[in-house]
Amino acid sequence: MKTINFMGVRKLLAAFSIALVLGSIASLFVNKLQFGLDFTGGALVEVAYSKAQPLEDIRASLGQAGYPEAIVQTFGSPTDIMVRLAQDHTATLGDEVLSALRAGTEAEVSLLRSEFVGAQVGEELREQGGLGMLLALAIVMLYVAFRFQFKFSVGAVVALAHDVFIVLGVFSLLKLDFDLTVLAAILAVIGYSLNDTIVVSDRIRENFRKMRKGDSEEIINESLNQTLGRTLMTSLTTLLVLFALFFFGGEMIHGFATALMIGVLVGTYSSIYVAANVLLVMNISREDLLPPEKEEEVDDLP
């Protein structure tokens, strides 16, 4: 089997990765994230139908009534519908939405609840979500440093930060809604990418101790080739599930599936070209991974 020289183009792809991250950061500053109702606040209307209705028909009725950006989902049962609107709540909003829904169906529709969702909750969610991601990265760094070696922990965290910035940058650039499901997907991306990076790191450590010939670049290349099949199969099977969720899972998890698809692709790339590249930049060597020699005990002479 031919050995792929992954590290032969590492400088070129390092420049590519840096450009992607800088572009993502620039997009976040210019376009910012399009926070959804979970973060910005707005109005919430819940209604009950006498029989189940297609969500597409409900969205069409609301769009014709002047609510094209309404988020529609079921809750509890197929006949219970939740409508979320990114606008200020008024005393008559519930009745206006109810009238629009009744005009689009022959089924009976009754109003269950109409209330305001405060933006203060969204502000707390943004802060807690950001702190959660930072805490996850810090725990990852400690875990990898304890299990492998400090240089591996730096490579893992750089790869994870690379993945998170790119996912956020794509959402910012395309102006996709960023809600709680997308935040959950980003945390899942951290877990997925970390798992892939740990598998690669474990093989690199094993080969540094086992292979007697070859410099650091050759050993890392051999390790990446040995784990390539596993990495690609895991990514492909995960992507198949995510494609199914994206196309058949409904509007509410489009953002979740999109973020994970981007994250899986970028995470697969970063476990090969970012984490391993950082190890070479930090001059990883066989001496860094050799177990410490045990000191021989000398019996006291009488």
C-alpha atoms as a PDB file:
ATOM      1  CA  MET A   1       0.000   0.000   0.000  1.00  0.00           C
ATOM      2  CA  LYS A   2       1.343   3.400  -0.995  1.00  0.00           C
ATOM      3  CA  THR A   3       2.164   5.719   1.892  1.00  0.00           C
ATOM      4  CA  ILE A   4       0.633   9.182   1.559  1.00  0.00           C
ATOM      5  CA  ASN A   5       3.020  11.990   2.436  1.00  0.00           C
ATOM      6  CA  PHE A   6       0.571  14.030   4.515  1.00  0.00           C
ATOM      7  CA  MET A   7       3.243  16.162   6.140  1.00  0.00           C
ATOM      8  CA  GLY A   8       4.871  17.001   2.811  1.00  0.00           C
ATOM      9  CA  VAL A   9       2.310  19.754   2.241  1.00  0.00           C
ATOM     10  CA  ARG A  10       1.928  20.735   5.877  1.00  0.00           C
ATOM     11  CA  LYS A  11       3.252  24.299   5.419  1.00  0.00           C
ATOM     12  CA  LEU A  12       0.873  24.999   2.555  1.00  0.00           C
ATOM     13  CA  LEU A  13      -2.113  23.643   4.469  1.00  0.00           C
ATOM     14  CA  ALA A  14      -1.028  25.455   7.635  1.00  0.00           C
ATOM     15  CA  ALA A  15      -1.281  28.708   5.691  1.00  0.00           C
ATOM     16  CA  PHE A  16      -4.687  27.566   4.376  1.00  0.00           C
ATOM     17  CA  SER A  17      -5.926  26.826   7.912  1.00  0.00           C
ATOM     18  CA  ILE A  18      -4.688  30.174   9.232  1.00  0.00           C
ATOM     19  CA  ALA A  19      -6.454  31.936   6.344  1.00  0.00           C
ATOM     20  CA  LEU A  20      -9.700  30.089   7.112  1.00  0.00           C
ATOM     21  CA  VAL A  21      -9.563  30.960  10.815  1.00  0.00           C
ATOM     22  CA  LEU A  22      -8.701  34.614  10.159  1.00  0.00           C
ATOM     23  CA  GLY A  23     -11.485  34.805   7.574  1.00  0.00           C
ATOM     24  CA  SER A  24     -13.922  33.307  10.074  1.00  0.00           C
ATOM     25  CA  ILE A  25     -12.910  35.804  12.754  1.00  0.00           C
ATOM     26  CA  ALA A  26     -13.260  38.680  10.265  1.00  0.00           C
ATOM     27  CA  SER A  27     -16.739  37.466   9.291  1.00  0.00           C
ATOM     28  CA  LEU A  28     -17.735  37.255  12.954  1.00  0.00           C
ATOM     29  CA  PHE A  29     -16.674  40.881  13.455  1.00  0.00           C
ATOM     30  CA  VAL A  30     -18.342  42.161  10.276  1.00  0.00           C
ATOM     31  CA  ASN A  31     -21.468  40.020   9.900  1.00  0.00           C
ATOM     32  CA  LYS A  32     -21.741  38.808  13.496  1.00  0.00           C
ATOM     33  CA  LEU A  33     -23.916  35.806  14.315  1.00  0.00           C
ATOM     34  CA  GLN A  34     -27.607  35.829  13.432  1.00  0.00           C
ATOM     35  CA  PHE A  35     -28.916  34.862  16.858  1.00  0.00           C
ATOM     36  CA  GLY A  36     -32.258  33.081  16.905  1.00  0.00           C
ATOM     37  CA  LEU A  37     -35.220  33.681  19.191  1.00  0.00           C
ATOM     38  CA  ASP A  38     -33.571  31.578  21.903  1.00  0.00           C
ATOM     39  CA  PHE A  39     -31.002  34.348  22.330  1.00  0.00           C
ATOM     40  CA  THR A  40     -32.736  37.527  21.185  1.00  0.00           C
ATOM     41  CA  GLY A  41     -36.175  37.185  22.748  1.00  0.00           C
ATOM     42  CA  GLY A  42     -39.557  37.665  21.069  1.00  0.00           C
ATOM     43  CA  ALA A  43     -43.105  36.363  21.152  1.00  0.00           C
ATOM     44  CA  LEU A  44     -44.344  32.826  21.723  1.00  0.00           C
ATOM     45  CA  VAL A  45     -47.814  31.606  20.689  1.00  0.00           C
ATOM     46  CA  GLU A  46     -49.124  28.096  21.311  1.00  0.00           C
ATOM     47  CA  VAL A  47     -52.245  26.753  19.612  1.00  0.00           C
ATOM     48  CA  ALA A  48     -54.103  23.429  19.437  1.00  0.00           C
ATOM     49  CA  TYR A  49     -55.656  21.973  16.270  1.00  0.00           C
ATOM     50  CA  SER A  50     -58.552  19.532  16.256  1.00  0.00           C
ATOM     51  CA  LYS A  51     -56.501  17.324  13.921  1.00  0.00           C
ATOM     52  CA  ALA A  52     -52.866  17.216  12.846  1.00  0.00           C
ATOM     53  CA  GLN A  53     -51.788  19.684  10.144  1.00  0.00           C
ATOM     54  CA  PRO A  54     -48.692  19.749   7.892  1.00  0.00           C
ATOM     55  CA  LEU A  55     -46.199  22.243   9.276  1.00  0.00           C
ATOM     56  CA  GLU A  56     -45.533  23.552   5.756  1.00  0.00           C
ATOM     57  CA  ASP A  57     -49.193  24.600   5.439  1.00  0.00           C
ATOM     58  CA  ILE A  58     -49.052  26.394   8.793  1.00  0.00           C
ATOM     59  CA  ARG A  59     -45.896  28.264   7.782  1.00  0.00           C
ATOM     60  CA  ALA A  60     -47.532  29.234   4.479  1.00  0.00           C
ATOM     61  CA  SER A  61     -50.593  30.626   6.300  1.00  0.00           C
ATOM     62  CA  LEU A  62     -48.409  32.673   8.622  1.00  0.00           C
ATOM     63  CA  GLY A  63     -46.305  33.930   5.702  1.00  0.00           C
ATOM     64  CA  GLN A  64     -49.402  35.174   3.881  1.00  0.00           C
ATOM     65  CA  ALA A  65     -50.518  36.946   7.057  1.00  0.00           C
ATOM     66  CA  GLY A  66     -47.245  38.872   7.349  1.00  0.00           C
ATOM     67  CA  TYR A  67     -45.144  36.518   9.514  1.00  0.00           C
ATOM     68  CA  PRO A  68     -42.667  35.028   6.999  1.00  0.00           C
ATOM     69  CA  GLU A  69     -39.927  34.514   9.607  1.00  0.00           C
ATOM     70  CA  ALA A  70     -42.137  32.589  12.042  1.00  0.00           C
ATOM     71  CA  ILE A  71     -40.647  29.412  13.512  1.00  0.00           C
ATOM     72  CA  VAL A  72     -43.238  26.622  13.670  1.00  0.00           C
ATOM     73  CA  GLN A  73     -42.846  23.327  15.523  1.00  0.00           C
ATOM     74  CA  THR A  74     -44.939  20.714  17.270  1.00  0.00           C
ATOM     75  CA  PHE A  75     -44.747  20.107  21.011  1.00  0.00           C
ATOM     76  CA  GLY A  76     -46.319  17.349  23.071  1.00  0.00           C
ATOM     77  CA  SER A  77     -48.501  15.983  20.255  1.00  0.00           C
ATOM     78  CA  PRO A  78     -48.917  16.500  16.477  1.00  0.00           C
ATOM     79  CA  THR A  79     -51.967  18.730  17.089  1.00  0.00           C
ATOM     80  CA  ASP A  80     -50.189  21.115  19.479  1.00  0.00           C
ATOM     81  CA  ILE A  81     -48.256  23.811  17.619  1.00  0.00           C
ATOM     82  CA  MET A  82     -45.737  26.342  18.905  1.00  0.00           C
ATOM     83  CA  VAL A  83     -45.165  29.538  16.888  1.00  0.00           C
ATOM     84  CA  ARG A  84     -42.141  31.690  17.728  1.00  0.00           C
ATOM     85  CA  LEU A  85     -41.881  35.229  16.373  1.00  0.00           C
ATOM     86  CA  ALA A  86     -38.858  37.546  16.517  1.00  0.00           C
ATOM     87  CA  GLN A  87     -40.916  40.628  17.368  1.00  0.00           C
ATOM     88  CA  ASP A  88     -42.354  42.446  20.383  1.00  0.00           C
ATOM     89  CA  HIS A  89     -45.310  40.824  22.046  1.00  0.00           C
ATOM     90  CA  THR A  90     -48.615  42.716  22.074  1.00  0.00           C
ATOM     91  CA  ALA A  91     -51.935  42.059  23.766  1.00  0.00           C
ATOM     92  CA  THR A  92     -53.574  41.196  20.431  1.00  0.00           C
ATOM     93  CA  LEU A  93     -50.741  39.159  18.885  1.00  0.00           C
ATOM     94  CA  GLY A  94     -52.175  35.813  19.975  1.00  0.00           C
ATOM     95  CA  ASP A  95     -55.560  36.570  18.413  1.00  0.00           C
ATOM     96  CA  GLU A  96     -53.918  37.837  15.204  1.00  0.00           C
ATOM     97  CA  VAL A  97     -51.878  34.650  14.822  1.00  0.00           C
ATOM     98  CA  LEU A  98     -54.938  32.561  15.649  1.00  0.00           C
ATOM     99  CA  SER A  99     -56.969  34.311  12.926  1.00  0.00           C
ATOM    100  CA  ALA A 100     -54.196  33.712  10.388  1.00  0.00           C
ATOM    101  CA  LEU A 101     -54.070  30.029  11.254  1.00  0.00           C
ATOM    102  CA  ARG A 102     -57.848  29.612  11.113  1.00  0.00           C
ATOM    103  CA  ALA A 103     -57.896  31.192   7.657  1.00  0.00           C
ATOM    104  CA  GLY A 104     -55.555  28.508   6.343  1.00  0.00           C
ATOM    105  CA  THR A 105     -57.404  25.402   7.514  1.00  0.00           C
ATOM    106  CA  GLU A 106     -60.840  23.905   7.959  1.00  0.00           C
ATOM    107  CA  ALA A 107     -59.849  22.360  11.302  1.00  0.00           C
ATOM    108  CA  GLU A 108     -60.710  24.021  14.597  1.00  0.00           C
ATOM    109  CA  VAL A 109     -57.864  25.995  16.173  1.00  0.00           C
ATOM    110  CA  SER A 110     -57.774  27.211  19.777  1.00  0.00           C
ATOM    111  CA  LEU A 111     -55.285  29.498  21.521  1.00  0.00           C
ATOM    112  CA  LEU A 112     -53.420  27.908  24.413  1.00  0.00           C
ATOM    113  CA  ARG A 113     -50.838  30.545  25.324  1.00  0.00           C
ATOM    114  CA  SER A 114     -49.415  33.849  24.117  1.00  0.00           C
ATOM    115  CA  GLU A 115     -46.479  35.420  25.949  1.00  0.00           C
ATOM    116  CA  PHE A 116     -43.214  37.321  25.691  1.00  0.00           C
ATOM    117  CA  VAL A 117     -39.801  35.597  25.736  1.00  0.00           C
ATOM    118  CA  GLY A 118     -37.307  37.970  27.323  1.00  0.00           C
ATOM    119  CA  ALA A 119     -33.951  38.792  25.748  1.00  0.00           C
ATOM    120  CA  GLN A 120     -32.308  38.672  29.178  1.00  0.00           C
ATOM    121  CA  VAL A 121     -32.592  34.886  29.077  1.00  0.00           C
ATOM    122  CA  GLY A 122     -30.852  34.944  25.706  1.00  0.00           C
ATOM    123  CA  GLU A 123     -28.031  37.062  27.085  1.00  0.00           C
ATOM    124  CA  GLU A 124     -27.479  34.567  29.889  1.00  0.00           C
ATOM    125  CA  LEU A 125     -27.515  31.717  27.360  1.00  0.00           C
ATOM    126  CA  ARG A 126     -24.863  33.443  25.243  1.00  0.00           C
ATOM    127  CA  GLU A 127     -22.604  33.965  28.245  1.00  0.00           C
ATOM    128  CA  GLN A 128     -23.086  30.445  29.600  1.00  0.00           C
ATOM    129  CA  GLY A 129     -22.634  28.909  26.146  1.00  0.00           C
ATOM    130  CA  GLY A 130     -19.370  30.777  25.602  1.00  0.00           C
ATOM    131  CA  LEU A 131     -18.094  29.829  29.053  1.00  0.00           C
ATOM    132  CA  GLY A 132     -19.123  26.235  28.404  1.00  0.00           C
ATOM    133  CA  MET A 133     -17.006  26.081  25.247  1.00  0.00           C
ATOM    134  CA  LEU A 134     -13.995  27.645  26.998  1.00  0.00           C
ATOM    135  CA  LEU A 135     -14.357  25.216  29.906  1.00  0.00           C
ATOM    136  CA  ALA A 136     -14.589  22.285  27.485  1.00  0.00           C
ATOM    137  CA  LEU A 137     -11.343  23.363  25.771  1.00  0.00           C
ATOM    138  CA  ALA A 138      -9.566  23.764  29.134  1.00  0.00           C
ATOM    139  CA  ILE A 139     -10.665  20.302  30.303  1.00  0.00           C
ATOM    140  CA  VAL A 140      -9.575  18.800  26.985  1.00  0.00           C
ATOM    141  CA  MET A 141      -6.138  20.369  27.333  1.00  0.00           C
ATOM    142  CA  LEU A 142      -5.704  18.970  30.854  1.00  0.00           C
ATOM    143  CA  TYR A 143      -6.969  15.527  29.857  1.00  0.00           C
ATOM    144  CA  VAL A 144      -4.713  15.185  26.803  1.00  0.00           C
ATOM    145  CA  ALA A 145      -1.696  16.538  28.696  1.00  0.00           C
ATOM    146  CA  PHE A 146      -2.282  13.969  31.458  1.00  0.00           C
ATOM    147  CA  ARG A 147      -2.915  11.047  29.080  1.00  0.00           C
ATOM    148  CA  PHE A 148      -0.245  11.825  26.487  1.00  0.00           C
ATOM    149  CA  GLN A 149       2.102  14.773  26.817  1.00  0.00           C
ATOM    150  CA  PHE A 150       1.864  18.572  26.956  1.00  0.00           C
ATOM    151  CA  LYS A 151       2.690  19.044  23.254  1.00  0.00           C
ATOM    152  CA  PHE A 152      -0.200  16.754  22.327  1.00  0.00           C
ATOM    153  CA  SER A 153      -2.574  18.835  24.456  1.00  0.00           C
ATOM    154  CA  VAL A 154      -1.542  22.031  22.642  1.00  0.00           C
ATOM    155  CA  GLY A 155      -2.115  20.342  19.276  1.00  0.00           C
ATOM    156  CA  ALA A 156      -5.543  19.042  20.342  1.00  0.00           C
ATOM    157  CA  VAL A 157      -6.751  22.409  21.644  1.00  0.00           C
ATOM    158  CA  VAL A 158      -5.471  24.282  18.579  1.00  0.00           C
ATOM    159  CA  ALA A 159      -7.332  21.776  16.359  1.00  0.00           C
ATOM    160  CA  LEU A 160     -10.557  22.151  18.383  1.00  0.00           C
ATOM    161  CA  ALA A 161     -10.377  25.960  18.366  1.00  0.00           C
ATOM    162  CA  HIS A 162      -9.718  25.786  14.599  1.00  0.00           C
ATOM    163  CA  ASP A 163     -12.888  23.700  14.118  1.00  0.00           C
ATOM    164  CA  VAL A 164     -15.088  25.913  16.302  1.00  0.00           C
ATOM    165  CA  PHE A 165     -13.979  29.158  14.634  1.00  0.00           C
ATOM    166  CA  ILE A 166     -14.603  27.767  11.150  1.00  0.00           C
ATOM    167  CA  VAL A 167     -18.097  26.497  12.016  1.00  0.00           C
ATOM    168  CA  LEU A 168     -18.975  29.875  13.554  1.00  0.00           C
ATOM    169  CA  GLY A 169     -17.440  31.656  10.578  1.00  0.00           C
ATOM    170  CA  VAL A 170     -19.548  29.694   8.076  1.00  0.00           C
ATOM    171  CA  PHE A 171     -22.730  30.478  10.031  1.00  0.00           C
ATOM    172  CA  SER A 172     -21.733  34.135  10.150  1.00  0.00           C
ATOM    173  CA  LEU A 173     -20.776  34.323   6.471  1.00  0.00           C
ATOM    174  CA  LEU A 174     -23.962  32.610   5.257  1.00  0.00           C
ATOM    175  CA  LYS A 175     -26.073  34.448   7.856  1.00  0.00           C
ATOM    176  CA  LEU A 176     -27.630  31.239   9.148  1.00  0.00           C
ATOM    177  CA  ASP A 177     -29.682  31.341  12.345  1.00  0.00           C
ATOM    178  CA  PHE A 178     -27.650  30.555  15.444  1.00  0.00           C
ATOM    179  CA  ASP A 179     -29.866  29.019  18.137  1.00  0.00           C
ATOM    180  CA  LEU A 180     -29.532  26.561  21.008  1.00  0.00           C
ATOM    181  CA  THR A 181     -29.467  23.551  18.677  1.00  0.00           C
ATOM    182  CA  VAL A 182     -26.463  25.013  16.839  1.00  0.00           C
ATOM    183  CA  LEU A 183     -24.709  25.689  20.161  1.00  0.00           C
ATOM    184  CA  ALA A 184     -25.315  22.044  21.109  1.00  0.00           C
ATOM    185  CA  ALA A 185     -23.915  20.978  17.719  1.00  0.00           C
ATOM    186  CA  ILE A 186     -20.725  22.980  18.287  1.00  0.00           C
ATOM    187  CA  LEU A 187     -20.187  21.247  21.626  1.00  0.00           C
ATOM    188  CA  ALA A 188     -20.772  17.932  19.830  1.00  0.00           C
ATOM    189  CA  VAL A 189     -18.187  18.956  17.213  1.00  0.00           C
ATOM    190  CA  ILE A 190     -15.665  19.454  20.025  1.00  0.00           C
ATOM    191  CA  GLY A 191     -16.350  15.919  21.252  1.00  0.00           C
ATOM    192  CA  TYR A 192     -16.179  14.382  17.775  1.00  0.00           C
ATOM    193  CA  SER A 193     -12.980  16.157  16.794  1.00  0.00           C
ATOM    194  CA  LEU A 194     -11.353  15.325  20.128  1.00  0.00           C
ATOM    195  CA  ASN A 195     -12.134  11.628  19.703  1.00  0.00           C
ATOM    196  CA  ASP A 196     -10.538  11.606  16.256  1.00  0.00           C
ATOM    197  CA  THR A 197      -7.491  13.540  17.472  1.00  0.00           C
ATOM    198  CA  ILE A 198      -6.970  11.168  20.409  1.00  0.00           C
ATOM    199  CA  VAL A 199      -7.005   8.111  18.112  1.00  0.00           C
ATOM    200  CA  VAL A 200      -4.357   9.717  15.898  1.00  0.00           C
ATOM    201  CA  SER A 201      -2.308  10.884  18.903  1.00  0.00           C
ATOM    202  CA  ASP A 202      -2.363   7.420  20.444  1.00  0.00           C
ATOM    203  CA  ARG A 203      -0.943   5.890  17.263  1.00  0.00           C
ATOM    204  CA  ILE A 204       1.713   8.621  17.006  1.00  0.00           C
ATOM    205  CA  ARG A 205       2.822   7.969  20.577  1.00  0.00           C
ATOM    206  CA  GLU A 206       2.900   4.213  19.974  1.00  0.00           C
ATOM    207  CA  ASN A 207       4.990   4.560  16.820  1.00  0.00           C
ATOM    208  CA  PHE A 208       7.453   6.959  18.420  1.00  0.00           C
ATOM    209  CA  ARG A 209       8.171   4.276  21.006  1.00  0.00           C
ATOM    210  CA  LYS A 210       8.118   1.335  18.569  1.00  0.00           C
ATOM    211  CA  MET A 211       9.787   2.595  15.376  1.00  0.00           C
ATOM    212  CA  ARG A 212      13.577   2.725  15.644  1.00  0.00           C
ATOM    213  CA  LYS A 213      14.173   4.432  12.304  1.00  0.00           C
ATOM    214  CA  GLY A 214      12.843   7.636  10.834  1.00  0.00           C
ATOM    215  CA  ASP A 215      12.581  11.224  11.972  1.00  0.00           C
ATOM    216  CA  SER A 216       9.515  12.834  13.563  1.00  0.00           C
ATOM    217  CA  GLU A 217       7.907  13.733  10.225  1.00  0.00           C
ATOM    218  CA  GLU A 218       8.234  10.178   8.898  1.00  0.00           C
ATOM    219  CA  ILE A 219       6.817   8.652  12.083  1.00  0.00           C
ATOM    220  CA  ILE A 220       3.838  11.007  12.079  1.00  0.00           C
ATOM    221  CA  ASN A 221       3.235  10.279   8.382  1.00  0.00           C
ATOM    222  CA  GLU A 222       3.224   6.550   9.067  1.00  0.00           C
ATOM    223  CA  SER A 223       0.814   7.022  11.982  1.00  0.00           C
ATOM    224  CA  LEU A 224      -1.601   9.100   9.902  1.00  0.00           C
ATOM    225  CA  ASN A 225      -1.582   6.468   7.145  1.00  0.00           C
ATOM    226  CA  GLN A 226      -2.309   3.706   9.660  1.00  0.00           C
ATOM    227  CA  THR A 227      -5.345   5.553  11.092  1.00  0.00           C
ATOM    228  CA  LEU A 228      -6.611   6.962   7.773  1.00  0.00           C
ATOM    229  CA  GLY A 229      -9.047   4.121   7.059  1.00  0.00           C
ATOM    230  CA  ARG A 230     -10.638   4.350  10.497  1.00  0.00           C
ATOM    231  CA  THR A 231     -10.854   8.145  10.285  1.00  0.00           C
ATOM    232  CA  LEU A 232     -12.550   8.151   6.871  1.00  0.00           C
ATOM    233  CA  MET A 233     -15.031   5.377   7.735  1.00  0.00           C
ATOM    234  CA  THR A 234     -16.076   7.135  10.945  1.00  0.00           C
ATOM    235  CA  SER A 235     -16.534  10.435   9.127  1.00  0.00           C
ATOM    236  CA  LEU A 236     -18.498   8.915   6.228  1.00  0.00           C
ATOM    237  CA  THR A 237     -20.909   6.972   8.438  1.00  0.00           C
ATOM    238  CA  THR A 238     -21.472  10.039  10.621  1.00  0.00           C
ATOM    239  CA  LEU A 239     -22.119  12.207   7.565  1.00  0.00           C
ATOM    240  CA  LEU A 240     -24.696   9.728   6.244  1.00  0.00           C
ATOM    241  CA  VAL A 241     -26.694  10.107   9.458  1.00  0.00           C
ATOM    242  CA  LEU A 242     -26.355  13.893   9.351  1.00  0.00           C
ATOM    243  CA  PHE A 243     -27.521  14.060   5.732  1.00  0.00           C
ATOM    244  CA  ALA A 244     -30.611  12.076   6.733  1.00  0.00           C
ATOM    245  CA  LEU A 245     -31.270  14.478   9.619  1.00  0.00           C
ATOM    246  CA  PHE A 246     -30.778  17.501   7.376  1.00  0.00           C
ATOM    247  CA  PHE A 247     -33.145  16.373   4.620  1.00  0.00           C
ATOM    248  CA  PHE A 248     -35.759  14.469   6.642  1.00  0.00           C
ATOM    249  CA  GLY A 249     -35.427  15.752  10.212  1.00  0.00           C
ATOM    250  CA  GLY A 250     -37.492  18.906   9.794  1.00  0.00           C
ATOM    251  CA  GLU A 251     -36.749  22.614   9.890  1.00  0.00           C
ATOM    252  CA  MET A 252     -36.019  22.749  13.612  1.00  0.00           C
ATOM    253  CA  ILE A 253     -32.824  20.698  13.361  1.00  0.00           C
ATOM    254  CA  HIS A 254     -31.505  22.062  10.045  1.00  0.00           C
ATOM    255  CA  GLY A 255     -29.073  24.298  11.921  1.00  0.00           C
ATOM    256  CA  PHE A 256     -27.984  21.426  14.165  1.00  0.00           C
ATOM    257  CA  ALA A 257     -27.341  19.103  11.207  1.00  0.00           C
ATOM    258  CA  THR A 258     -25.604  21.838   9.196  1.00  0.00           C
ATOM    259  CA  ALA A 259     -23.222  22.722  12.032  1.00  0.00           C
ATOM    260  CA  LEU A 260     -22.361  19.074  12.610  1.00  0.00           C
ATOM    261  CA  MET A 261     -21.766  18.382   8.913  1.00  0.00           C
ATOM    262  CA  ILE A 262     -19.351  21.306   8.714  1.00  0.00           C
ATOM    263  CA  GLY A 263     -17.760  20.252  11.993  1.00  0.00           C
ATOM    264  CA  VAL A 264     -17.243  16.624  10.935  1.00  0.00           C
ATOM    265  CA  LEU A 265     -15.564  17.654   7.671  1.00  0.00           C
ATOM    266  CA  VAL A 266     -13.345  20.254   9.331  1.00  0.00           C
ATOM    267  CA  GLY A 267     -12.666  17.978  12.326  1.00  0.00           C
ATOM    268  CA  THR A 268     -11.462  15.165  10.062  1.00  0.00           C
ATOM    269  CA  TYR A 269      -9.124  17.601   8.311  1.00  0.00           C
ATOM    270  CA  SER A 270      -7.838  19.138  11.562  1.00  0.00           C
ATOM    271  CA  SER A 271      -7.017  15.805  13.211  1.00  0.00           C
ATOM    272  CA  ILE A 272      -4.685  15.092  10.275  1.00  0.00           C
ATOM    273  CA  TYR A 273      -3.244  18.458   9.338  1.00  0.00           C
ATOM    274  CA  VAL A 274      -3.655  20.726  12.366  1.00  0.00           C
ATOM    275  CA  ALA A 275      -2.987  18.612  15.461  1.00  0.00           C
ATOM    276  CA  ALA A 276      -0.130  16.692  13.821  1.00  0.00           C
ATOM    277  CA  ASN A 277       1.281  19.871  12.307  1.00  0.00           C
ATOM    278  CA  VAL A 278       1.433  21.530  15.732  1.00  0.00           C
ATOM    279  CA  LEU A 279       3.444  18.564  17.038  1.00  0.00           C
ATOM    280  CA  LEU A 280       6.093  19.137  14.360  1.00  0.00           C
ATOM    281  CA  VAL A 281       6.124  22.890  15.013  1.00  0.00           C
ATOM    282  CA  MET A 282       6.796  22.119  18.702  1.00  0.00           C
ATOM    283  CA  ASN A 283       9.607  19.721  17.716  1.00  0.00           C
ATOM    284  CA  ILE A 284       8.071  16.540  19.102  1.00  0.00           C
ATOM    285  CA  SER A 285      10.699  13.828  19.473  1.00  0.00           C
ATOM    286  CA  ARG A 286      11.083  10.266  20.686  1.00  0.00           C
ATOM    287  CA  GLU A 287      12.627  11.512  23.928  1.00  0.00           C
ATOM    288  CA  ASP A 288       9.400  13.372  24.768  1.00  0.00           C
ATOM    289  CA  LEU A 289       7.438  10.128  24.777  1.00  0.00           C
ATOM    290  CA  LEU A 290       9.822   7.638  26.314  1.00  0.00           C
ATOM    291  CA  PRO A 291       8.625   6.482  29.743  1.00  0.00           C
ATOM    292  CA  PRO A 292      10.817   7.740  32.603  1.00  0.00           C
ATOM    293  CA  GLU A 293      13.537   5.322  33.627  1.00  0.00           C
ATOM    294  CA  LYS A 294      13.112   3.766  37.016  1.00  0.00           C
ATOM    295  CA  GLU A 295      15.904   4.399  39.435  1.00  0.00           C
ATOM    296  CA  GLU A 296      17.554   1.222  40.664  1.00  0.00           C
ATOM    297  CA  GLU A 297      17.280   0.706  44.377  1.00  0.00           C
ATOM    298  CA  VAL A 298      20.606   0.150  46.113  1.00  0.00           C
ATOM    299  CA  ASP A 299      20.532  -1.872  49.291  1.00  0.00           C
ATOM    300  CA  ASP A 300      22.288  -0.264  52.216  1.00  0.00           C
ATOM    301  CA  LEU A 301      25.522  -2.054  53.020  1.00  0.00           C
ATOM    302  CA  PRO A 302      25.847  -3.272  56.598  1.00  0.00           C
END
